[in-house]
């Protein structure tokens, strides 16, 4: 696992833990939050979306950015090698 992946994983875990703590503070008990998470209704879908959507979006942006940077570096390296030969 690269350094950036470890940072991303730490941020993702902190987001999920922080949001859970926030929800407990707002709803006053863990039981209420757990009931909402497993109820199987529209509130459940909304809460899971709010919890996981930012994680998925940020990981997707990070992966795409890393791949584009890697692709650009490969092209530059290839162009430099072609110029020398």
PDB file of N, CA and C in Angstrom:
ATOM      1  N   UNK A   1       0.837  -1.164   0.000  1.00  0.00           N
ATOM      2  CA  UNK A   1       0.000   0.000   0.000  1.00  0.00           C
ATOM      3  C   UNK A   1       0.897   1.247   0.000  1.00  0.00           C
ATOM      4  N   UNK A   2       0.636   2.156  -0.920  1.00  0.00           N
ATOM      5  CA  UNK A   2       1.452   3.357  -0.997  1.00  0.00           C
ATOM      6  C   UNK A   2       1.081   4.335   0.116  1.00  0.00           C
ATOM      7  N   UNK A   3       1.919   5.334   0.249  1.00  0.00           N
ATOM      8  CA  UNK A   3       1.688   6.336   1.289  1.00  0.00           C
ATOM      9  C   UNK A   3       0.346   7.048   1.062  1.00  0.00           C
ATOM     10  N   UNK A   4       0.035   7.368  -0.205  1.00  0.00           N
ATOM     11  CA  UNK A   4      -1.211   8.067  -0.507  1.00  0.00           C
ATOM     12  C   UNK A   4      -2.423   7.188  -0.238  1.00  0.00           C
ATOM     13  N   UNK A   5      -2.316   5.902  -0.502  1.00  0.00           N
ATOM     14  CA  UNK A   5      -3.417   4.990  -0.208  1.00  0.00           C
ATOM     15  C   UNK A   5      -3.662   4.902   1.293  1.00  0.00           C
ATOM     16  N   UNK A   6      -2.572   4.890   2.065  1.00  0.00           N
ATOM     17  CA  UNK A   6      -2.714   4.861   3.525  1.00  0.00           C
ATOM     18  C   UNK A   6      -3.387   6.135   4.036  1.00  0.00           C
ATOM     19  N   UNK A   7      -3.013   7.275   3.460  1.00  0.00           N
ATOM     20  CA  UNK A   7      -3.651   8.534   3.846  1.00  0.00           C
ATOM     21  C   UNK A   7      -5.124   8.514   3.483  1.00  0.00           C
ATOM     22  N   UNK A   8      -5.450   8.043   2.297  1.00  0.00           N
ATOM     23  CA  UNK A   8      -6.843   7.946   1.864  1.00  0.00           C
ATOM     24  C   UNK A   8      -7.652   7.012   2.745  1.00  0.00           C
ATOM     25  N   UNK A   9      -7.056   5.890   3.114  1.00  0.00           N
ATOM     26  CA  UNK A   9      -7.738   4.944   3.991  1.00  0.00           C
ATOM     27  C   UNK A   9      -7.993   5.560   5.365  1.00  0.00           C
ATOM     28  N   UNK A  10      -7.003   6.268   5.895  1.00  0.00           N
ATOM     29  CA  UNK A  10      -7.167   6.921   7.198  1.00  0.00           C
ATOM     30  C   UNK A  10      -8.266   7.976   7.145  1.00  0.00           C
ATOM     31  N   UNK A  11      -8.301   8.773   6.081  1.00  0.00           N
ATOM     32  CA  UNK A  11      -9.346   9.791   5.941  1.00  0.00           C
ATOM     33  C   UNK A  11     -10.715   9.135   5.827  1.00  0.00           C
ATOM     34  N   UNK A  12     -10.811   8.047   5.072  1.00  0.00           N
ATOM     35  CA  UNK A  12     -12.085   7.352   4.926  1.00  0.00           C
ATOM     36  C   UNK A  12     -12.594   6.817   6.267  1.00  0.00           C
ATOM     37  N   UNK A  13     -11.703   6.216   7.022  1.00  0.00           N
ATOM     38  CA  UNK A  13     -12.088   5.669   8.332  1.00  0.00           C
ATOM     39  C   UNK A  13     -12.481   6.797   9.280  1.00  0.00           C
ATOM     40  N   UNK A  14     -11.706   7.886   9.281  1.00  0.00           N
ATOM     41  CA  UNK A  14     -12.049   9.023  10.137  1.00  0.00           C
ATOM     42  C   UNK A  14     -13.397   9.623   9.754  1.00  0.00           C
ATOM     43  N   UNK A  15     -13.708   9.685   8.466  1.00  0.00           N
ATOM     44  CA  UNK A  15     -14.998  10.196   8.012  1.00  0.00           C
ATOM     45  C   UNK A  15     -16.134   9.327   8.562  1.00  0.00           C
ATOM     46  N   UNK A  16     -16.016   8.021   8.409  1.00  0.00           N
ATOM     47  CA  UNK A  16     -17.088   7.133   8.855  1.00  0.00           C
ATOM     48  C   UNK A  16     -17.254   7.165  10.377  1.00  0.00           C
ATOM     49  N   UNK A  17     -16.156   7.184  11.101  1.00  0.00           N
ATOM     50  CA  UNK A  17     -16.220   7.250  12.566  1.00  0.00           C
ATOM     51  C   UNK A  17     -16.762   8.606  13.008  1.00  0.00           C
ATOM     52  N   UNK A  18     -16.261   9.680  12.403  1.00  0.00           N
ATOM     53  CA  UNK A  18     -16.720  11.018  12.769  1.00  0.00           C
ATOM     54  C   UNK A  18     -18.192  11.228  12.484  1.00  0.00           C
ATOM     55  N   UNK A  19     -18.658  10.750  11.339  1.00  0.00           N
ATOM     56  CA  UNK A  19     -20.076  10.879  11.012  1.00  0.00           C
ATOM     57  C   UNK A  19     -20.929  10.059  11.972  1.00  0.00           C
ATOM     58  N   UNK A  20     -20.455   8.876  12.320  1.00  0.00           N
ATOM     59  CA  UNK A  20     -21.193   8.047  13.282  1.00  0.00           C
ATOM     60  C   UNK A  20     -21.301   8.743  14.639  1.00  0.00           C
ATOM     61  N   UNK A  21     -20.206   9.325  15.102  1.00  0.00           N
ATOM     62  CA  UNK A  21     -20.227  10.047  16.377  1.00  0.00           C
ATOM     63  C   UNK A  21     -21.176  11.243  16.289  1.00  0.00           C
ATOM     64  N   UNK A  22     -21.128  11.959  15.181  1.00  0.00           N
ATOM     65  CA  UNK A  22     -22.034  13.091  14.984  1.00  0.00           C
ATOM     66  C   UNK A  22     -23.491  12.645  15.058  1.00  0.00           C
ATOM     67  N   UNK A  23     -23.813  11.539  14.396  1.00  0.00           N
ATOM     68  CA  UNK A  23     -25.192  11.046  14.405  1.00  0.00           C
ATOM     69  C   UNK A  23     -25.626  10.627  15.803  1.00  0.00           C
ATOM     70  N   UNK A  24     -24.727  10.035  16.559  1.00  0.00           N
ATOM     71  CA  UNK A  24     -25.047   9.640  17.936  1.00  0.00           C
ATOM     72  C   UNK A  24     -25.322  10.885  18.778  1.00  0.00           C
ATOM     73  N   UNK A  25     -24.526  11.921  18.588  1.00  0.00           N
ATOM     74  CA  UNK A  25     -24.740  13.157  19.341  1.00  0.00           C
ATOM     75  C   UNK A  25     -26.089  13.778  18.970  1.00  0.00           C
ATOM     76  N   UNK A  26     -26.410  13.786  17.684  1.00  0.00           N
ATOM     77  CA  UNK A  26     -27.672  14.375  17.239  1.00  0.00           C
ATOM     78  C   UNK A  26     -28.859  13.553  17.722  1.00  0.00           C
ATOM     79  N   UNK A  27     -28.776  12.232  17.609  1.00  0.00           N
ATOM     80  CA  UNK A  27     -29.910  11.369  17.981  1.00  0.00           C
ATOM     81  C   UNK A  27     -29.838  10.887  19.426  1.00  0.00           C
ATOM     82  N   UNK A  28     -28.784  11.175  20.118  1.00  0.00           N
ATOM     83  CA  UNK A  28     -28.599  10.896  21.540  1.00  0.00           C
ATOM     84  C   UNK A  28     -28.272   9.449  21.909  1.00  0.00           C
ATOM     85  N   UNK A  29     -28.497   8.473  21.046  1.00  0.00           N
ATOM     86  CA  UNK A  29     -28.160   7.092  21.412  1.00  0.00           C
ATOM     87  C   UNK A  29     -27.639   6.322  20.201  1.00  0.00           C
ATOM     88  N   UNK A  30     -26.797   5.317  20.485  1.00  0.00           N
ATOM     89  CA  UNK A  30     -26.327   4.416  19.430  1.00  0.00           C
ATOM     90  C   UNK A  30     -27.479   3.588  18.895  1.00  0.00           C
ATOM     91  N   UNK A  31     -28.403   3.236  19.789  1.00  0.00           N
ATOM     92  CA  UNK A  31     -29.509   2.362  19.390  1.00  0.00           C
ATOM     93  C   UNK A  31     -30.333   2.999  18.276  1.00  0.00           C
ATOM     94  N   UNK A  32     -30.586   4.290  18.364  1.00  0.00           N
ATOM     95  CA  UNK A  32     -31.350   4.976  17.330  1.00  0.00           C
ATOM     96  C   UNK A  32     -30.623   4.943  15.997  1.00  0.00           C
ATOM     97  N   UNK A  33     -29.331   5.209  16.021  1.00  0.00           N
ATOM     98  CA  UNK A  33     -28.540   5.213  14.791  1.00  0.00           C
ATOM     99  C   UNK A  33     -28.502   3.819  14.176  1.00  0.00           C
ATOM    100  N   UNK A  34     -28.281   2.811  14.995  1.00  0.00           N
ATOM    101  CA  UNK A  34     -28.246   1.430  14.495  1.00  0.00           C
ATOM    102  C   UNK A  34     -29.599   1.035  13.923  1.00  0.00           C
ATOM    103  N   UNK A  35     -30.671   1.419  14.577  1.00  0.00           N
ATOM    104  CA  UNK A  35     -32.011   1.115  14.057  1.00  0.00           C
ATOM    105  C   UNK A  35     -32.243   1.756  12.699  1.00  0.00           C
ATOM    106  N   UNK A  36     -31.765   2.977  12.515  1.00  0.00           N
ATOM    107  CA  UNK A  36     -31.915   3.648  11.223  1.00  0.00           C
ATOM    108  C   UNK A  36     -31.075   2.936  10.157  1.00  0.00           C
ATOM    109  N   UNK A  37     -29.862   2.510  10.532  1.00  0.00           N
ATOM    110  CA  UNK A  37     -28.979   1.859   9.554  1.00  0.00           C
ATOM    111  C   UNK A  37     -29.513   0.525   9.058  1.00  0.00           C
ATOM    112  N   UNK A  38     -30.276  -0.185   9.879  1.00  0.00           N
ATOM    113  CA  UNK A  38     -30.752  -1.518   9.491  1.00  0.00           C
ATOM    114  C   UNK A  38     -32.255  -1.578   9.257  1.00  0.00           C
ATOM    115  N   UNK A  39     -32.947  -0.451   9.284  1.00  0.00           N
ATOM    116  CA  UNK A  39     -34.411  -0.455   9.165  1.00  0.00           C
ATOM    117  C   UNK A  39     -34.897  -0.906   7.796  1.00  0.00           C
ATOM    118  N   UNK A  40     -34.141  -0.626   6.755  1.00  0.00           N
ATOM    119  CA  UNK A  40     -34.542  -1.055   5.418  1.00  0.00           C
ATOM    120  C   UNK A  40     -35.559  -0.140   4.767  1.00  0.00           C
ATOM    121  N   UNK A  41     -35.580   1.127   5.132  1.00  0.00           N
ATOM    122  CA  UNK A  41     -36.507   2.069   4.509  1.00  0.00           C
ATOM    123  C   UNK A  41     -35.724   3.189   3.833  1.00  0.00           C
ATOM    124  N   UNK A  42     -36.432   4.261   3.466  1.00  0.00           N
ATOM    125  CA  UNK A  42     -35.777   5.357   2.757  1.00  0.00           C
ATOM    126  C   UNK A  42     -34.748   6.062   3.630  1.00  0.00           C
ATOM    127  N   UNK A  43     -34.992   6.156   4.930  1.00  0.00           N
ATOM    128  CA  UNK A  43     -34.009   6.761   5.833  1.00  0.00           C
ATOM    129  C   UNK A  43     -32.700   5.960   5.839  1.00  0.00           C
ATOM    130  N   UNK A  44     -32.819   4.652   5.773  1.00  0.00           N
ATOM    131  CA  UNK A  44     -31.642   3.791   5.738  1.00  0.00           C
ATOM    132  C   UNK A  44     -30.818   4.067   4.484  1.00  0.00           C
ATOM    133  N   UNK A  45     -31.489   4.105   3.342  1.00  0.00           N
ATOM    134  CA  UNK A  45     -30.802   4.376   2.081  1.00  0.00           C
ATOM    135  C   UNK A  45     -30.138   5.748   2.108  1.00  0.00           C
ATOM    136  N   UNK A  46     -30.840   6.733   2.633  1.00  0.00           N
ATOM    137  CA  UNK A  46     -30.283   8.086   2.713  1.00  0.00           C
ATOM    138  C   UNK A  46     -29.048   8.120   3.601  1.00  0.00           C
ATOM    139  N   UNK A  47     -29.119   7.496   4.762  1.00  0.00           N
ATOM    140  CA  UNK A  47     -27.997   7.520   5.688  1.00  0.00           C
ATOM    141  C   UNK A  47     -26.781   6.793   5.120  1.00  0.00           C
ATOM    142  N   UNK A  48     -26.992   5.609   4.524  1.00  0.00           N
ATOM    143  CA  UNK A  48     -25.875   4.886   3.928  1.00  0.00           C
ATOM    144  C   UNK A  48     -25.263   5.690   2.780  1.00  0.00           C
ATOM    145  N   UNK A  49     -26.107   6.375   1.994  1.00  0.00           N
ATOM    146  CA  UNK A  49     -25.604   7.197   0.891  1.00  0.00           C
ATOM    147  C   UNK A  49     -24.755   8.348   1.419  1.00  0.00           C
ATOM    148  N   UNK A  50     -25.236   9.007   2.480  1.00  0.00           N
ATOM    149  CA  UNK A  50     -24.483  10.118   3.063  1.00  0.00           C
ATOM    150  C   UNK A  50     -23.163   9.620   3.642  1.00  0.00           C
ATOM    151  N   UNK A  51     -23.151   8.425   4.186  1.00  0.00           N
ATOM    152  CA  UNK A  51     -21.926   7.887   4.778  1.00  0.00           C
ATOM    153  C   UNK A  51     -20.915   7.447   3.718  1.00  0.00           C
ATOM    154  N   UNK A  52     -21.377   6.763   2.688  1.00  0.00           N
ATOM    155  CA  UNK A  52     -20.451   6.125   1.752  1.00  0.00           C
ATOM    156  C   UNK A  52     -20.177   6.902   0.470  1.00  0.00           C
ATOM    157  N   UNK A  53     -21.102   7.762   0.041  1.00  0.00           N
ATOM    158  CA  UNK A  53     -20.909   8.485  -1.224  1.00  0.00           C
ATOM    159  C   UNK A  53     -19.641   9.337  -1.223  1.00  0.00           C
ATOM    160  N   UNK A  54     -19.368  10.122  -0.168  1.00  0.00           N
ATOM    161  CA  UNK A  54     -18.121  10.905  -0.192  1.00  0.00           C
ATOM    162  C   UNK A  54     -16.872  10.029  -0.266  1.00  0.00           C
ATOM    163  N   UNK A  55     -16.897   8.890   0.384  1.00  0.00           N
ATOM    164  CA  UNK A  55     -15.750   7.978   0.351  1.00  0.00           C
ATOM    165  C   UNK A  55     -15.539   7.457  -1.070  1.00  0.00           C
ATOM    166  N   UNK A  56     -16.611   7.033  -1.713  1.00  0.00           N
ATOM    167  CA  UNK A  56     -16.511   6.503  -3.075  1.00  0.00           C
ATOM    168  C   UNK A  56     -16.055   7.589  -4.047  1.00  0.00           C
ATOM    169  N   UNK A  57     -16.618   8.780  -3.915  1.00  0.00           N
ATOM    170  CA  UNK A  57     -16.251   9.877  -4.819  1.00  0.00           C
ATOM    171  C   UNK A  57     -14.778  10.256  -4.646  1.00  0.00           C
ATOM    172  N   UNK A  58     -14.327  10.410  -3.416  1.00  0.00           N
ATOM    173  CA  UNK A  58     -12.934  10.799  -3.193  1.00  0.00           C
ATOM    174  C   UNK A  58     -11.955   9.724  -3.637  1.00  0.00           C
ATOM    175  N   UNK A  59     -12.265   8.447  -3.380  1.00  0.00           N
ATOM    176  CA  UNK A  59     -11.387   7.371  -3.859  1.00  0.00           C
ATOM    177  C   UNK A  59     -11.361   7.348  -5.383  1.00  0.00           C
ATOM    178  N   UNK A  60     -12.506   7.552  -6.025  1.00  0.00           N
ATOM    179  CA  UNK A  60     -12.555   7.557  -7.488  1.00  0.00           C
ATOM    180  C   UNK A  60     -11.716   8.687  -8.064  1.00  0.00           C
ATOM    181  N   UNK A  61     -11.856   9.883  -7.486  1.00  0.00           N
ATOM    182  CA  UNK A  61     -11.058  11.021  -7.945  1.00  0.00           C
ATOM    183  C   UNK A  61      -9.573  10.744  -7.738  1.00  0.00           C
ATOM    184  N   UNK A  62      -9.211  10.190  -6.599  1.00  0.00           N
ATOM    185  CA  UNK A  62      -7.815   9.880  -6.315  1.00  0.00           C
ATOM    186  C   UNK A  62      -7.241   8.856  -7.270  1.00  0.00           C
ATOM    187  N   UNK A  63      -7.995   7.821  -7.563  1.00  0.00           N
ATOM    188  CA  UNK A  63      -7.517   6.778  -8.487  1.00  0.00           C
ATOM    189  C   UNK A  63      -7.341   7.333  -9.891  1.00  0.00           C
ATOM    190  N   UNK A  64      -8.328   8.095 -10.361  1.00  0.00           N
ATOM    191  CA  UNK A  64      -8.238   8.675 -11.705  1.00  0.00           C
ATOM    192  C   UNK A  64      -7.053   9.638 -11.790  1.00  0.00           C
ATOM    193  N   UNK A  65      -6.885  10.471 -10.772  1.00  0.00           N
ATOM    194  CA  UNK A  65      -5.770  11.422 -10.759  1.00  0.00           C
ATOM    195  C   UNK A  65      -4.432  10.694 -10.777  1.00  0.00           C
ATOM    196  N   UNK A  66      -4.282   9.659  -9.960  1.00  0.00           N
ATOM    197  CA  UNK A  66      -3.032   8.903  -9.916  1.00  0.00           C
ATOM    198  C   UNK A  66      -2.741   8.241 -11.261  1.00  0.00           C
ATOM    199  N   UNK A  67      -3.763   7.693 -11.904  1.00  0.00           N
ATOM    200  CA  UNK A  67      -3.562   7.047 -13.197  1.00  0.00           C
ATOM    201  C   UNK A  67      -3.186   8.051 -14.278  1.00  0.00           C
ATOM    202  N   UNK A  68      -3.794   9.222 -14.259  1.00  0.00           N
ATOM    203  CA  UNK A  68      -3.456  10.255 -15.250  1.00  0.00           C
ATOM    204  C   UNK A  68      -2.015  10.722 -15.057  1.00  0.00           C
ATOM    205  N   UNK A  69      -1.619  10.949 -13.811  1.00  0.00           N
ATOM    206  CA  UNK A  69      -0.234  11.365 -13.532  1.00  0.00           C
ATOM    207  C   UNK A  69       0.739  10.284 -13.984  1.00  0.00           C
ATOM    208  N   UNK A  70       0.421   9.026 -13.693  1.00  0.00           N
ATOM    209  CA  UNK A  70       1.287   7.913 -14.110  1.00  0.00           C
ATOM    210  C   UNK A  70       1.376   7.847 -15.630  1.00  0.00           C
ATOM    211  N   UNK A  71       0.263   8.058 -16.325  1.00  0.00           N
ATOM    212  CA  UNK A  71       0.236   8.029 -17.786  1.00  0.00           C
ATOM    213  C   UNK A  71       1.079   9.160 -18.371  1.00  0.00           C
ATOM    214  N   UNK A  72       0.955  10.363 -17.798  1.00  0.00           N
ATOM    215  CA  UNK A  72       1.739  11.511 -18.273  1.00  0.00           C
ATOM    216  C   UNK A  72       3.236  11.260 -18.068  1.00  0.00           C
ATOM    217  N   UNK A  73       3.602  10.742 -16.905  1.00  0.00           N
ATOM    218  CA  UNK A  73       5.027  10.452 -16.642  1.00  0.00           C
ATOM    219  C   UNK A  73       5.577   9.417 -17.605  1.00  0.00           C
ATOM    220  N   UNK A  74       4.778   8.389 -17.898  1.00  0.00           N
ATOM    221  CA  UNK A  74       5.214   7.360 -18.845  1.00  0.00           C
ATOM    222  C   UNK A  74       5.445   7.956 -20.223  1.00  0.00           C
ATOM    223  N   UNK A  75       4.543   8.829 -20.653  1.00  0.00           N
ATOM    224  CA  UNK A  75       4.692   9.455 -21.970  1.00  0.00           C
ATOM    225  C   UNK A  75       5.918  10.348 -22.011  1.00  0.00           C
ATOM    226  N   UNK A  76       6.174  11.088 -20.927  1.00  0.00           N
ATOM    227  CA  UNK A  76       7.352  11.959 -20.897  1.00  0.00           C
ATOM    228  C   UNK A  76       8.630  11.137 -20.938  1.00  0.00           C
ATOM    229  N   UNK A  77       8.650  10.038 -20.191  1.00  0.00           N
ATOM    230  CA  UNK A  77       9.822   9.166 -20.187  1.00  0.00           C
ATOM    231  C   UNK A  77      10.065   8.574 -21.572  1.00  0.00           C
ATOM    232  N   UNK A  78       9.006   8.147 -22.225  1.00  0.00           N
ATOM    233  CA  UNK A  78       9.107   7.580 -23.569  1.00  0.00           C
ATOM    234  C   UNK A  78       9.591   8.641 -24.556  1.00  0.00           C
ATOM    235  N   UNK A  79       9.063   9.858 -24.438  1.00  0.00           N
ATOM    236  CA  UNK A  79       9.469  10.935 -25.347  1.00  0.00           C
ATOM    237  C   UNK A  79      10.935  11.291 -25.141  1.00  0.00           C
ATOM    238  N   UNK A  80      11.393  11.316 -23.905  1.00  0.00           N
ATOM    239  CA  UNK A  80      12.799  11.615 -23.637  1.00  0.00           C
ATOM    240  C   UNK A  80      13.708  10.524 -24.183  1.00  0.00           C
ATOM    241  N   UNK A  81      13.297   9.268 -24.063  1.00  0.00           N
ATOM    242  CA  UNK A  81      14.109   8.160 -24.561  1.00  0.00           C
ATOM    243  C   UNK A  81      14.150   8.180 -26.095  1.00  0.00           C
ATOM    244  N   UNK A  82      13.033   8.524 -26.724  1.00  0.00           N
ATOM    245  CA  UNK A  82      12.999   8.598 -28.199  1.00  0.00           C
ATOM    246  C   UNK A  82      13.869   9.748 -28.692  1.00  0.00           C
ATOM    247  N   UNK A  83      13.942  10.834 -27.952  1.00  0.00           N
ATOM    248  CA  UNK A  83      14.768  11.979 -28.327  1.00  0.00           C
ATOM    249  C   UNK A  83      16.249  11.694 -28.239  1.00  0.00           C
ATOM    250  N   UNK A  84      16.648  10.823 -27.317  1.00  0.00           N
ATOM    251  CA  UNK A  84      18.046  10.471 -27.143  1.00  0.00           C
ATOM    252  C   UNK A  84      18.531   9.501 -28.231  1.00  0.00           C
ATOM    253  N   UNK A  85      17.598   8.645 -28.646  1.00  0.00           N
ATOM    254  CA  UNK A  85      18.012   7.591 -29.571  1.00  0.00           C
ATOM    255  C   UNK A  85      17.986   8.025 -30.954  1.00  0.00           C
TER     256      UNK A  85
END
